[in-house]
Amino acid sequence: MTILARPRRKNCVSPVYFGHQFVNLLLGVAGENLMGAAISSAPTTFSEHVFKFLEKVEHRVASNPAEREAVFRLRYDAYRGNGFLKPRLDEKLYDPLYDSGPMAWITMTFVDGELAGTVRVSVGTAENAVLPGLQVFSDILAPRLRARQTIVEFTRLAAKLSLSSARPELPYIIMRPGFIAAQHFDADFAVATPREEHIAFYKRAFGAALWCAPRDYPGLTAKLACMGANYPAVRSAIEARYPFYKSTAAERAALFGPRDAAPDGRSPPARVLRLTSSGAEVSSPA
């Protein structure tokens, strides 16, 4: 099923953000090899290429039923297309608890106005946090939450298969909002849950450590590992290697709201942002 984004509004610009877990849902093994070759051979050239690609990219937080449904269908297509999910009559991949959590943001990535990818960002600061990883890796994550360490977790990453096969840089684009969310919420750790064959990629590209070997994951046919990165320790090195992951306070607030906007740190995601060669532009939908 082809998922199309809403047409671009005249004079309306949107953000360039994000990241996650799951190259496997975007490109598969062949795609990962393309990505590895790109970043290992010429990281500067790769970053320049991504910056140029960003001119076609917009990001926003899904904030209405139509946007959320488009995301749930895109997830389903990606997971089914890679054999990670059994057929469902409604052809949607929706997690009521985690998609509607008080500290969850469903990001949408558009390329030339078409919905190309999505990833969910969840933030936890205490043991009662609503984090997807707790359903499988509570023995790994709960002690950190009890210690009042902030975890930003990236889950349900998916991309339109026809675009991801032609755009090896797409996973990096989709992961950018997650990376900057970790900065926005002062994360102690950024957490992802990849398949076993992609553990090496997360170690190499994002400085993530293997916290737990792959385990069965509810609703999926694949086992997932738990990986975490000490965000304050790795952030500078990652931004040096991939300059397109740098962000401003305005960019971060455009997606995730001002930090002091509400008790849960959120504000209505009405503003959109686009990254340009001259800087970030923020506006309200027309």
Foldseek 3Di string as FASTA:
>chain_A
DFFFFDADDPPAAFEFFAAAFEPCLQANPVLVVVVVCVLVVDLVVVLVVVQVQLQQKHKAWDDDPVSVQSLQLQLLCSQVVSQWFDDDPVNGHDDVQACPDLFKTWMFMDGNRTTFKIKMKAKAQALPGRDLCCVPPVVQPHVCNPVRAMEIEIDSIHGDHVVSNVDSCVNVRHHLNSLVVCVQVVHQKYKHWYAPVCPVVCCVQQVKDFRAHWDDHPRTPGTTTMIMDRSVVRVVVNCVSNVVSDDDPVSNCLHANDCPPDPSRHDPNQKGWGQDPVGIDIDGDD
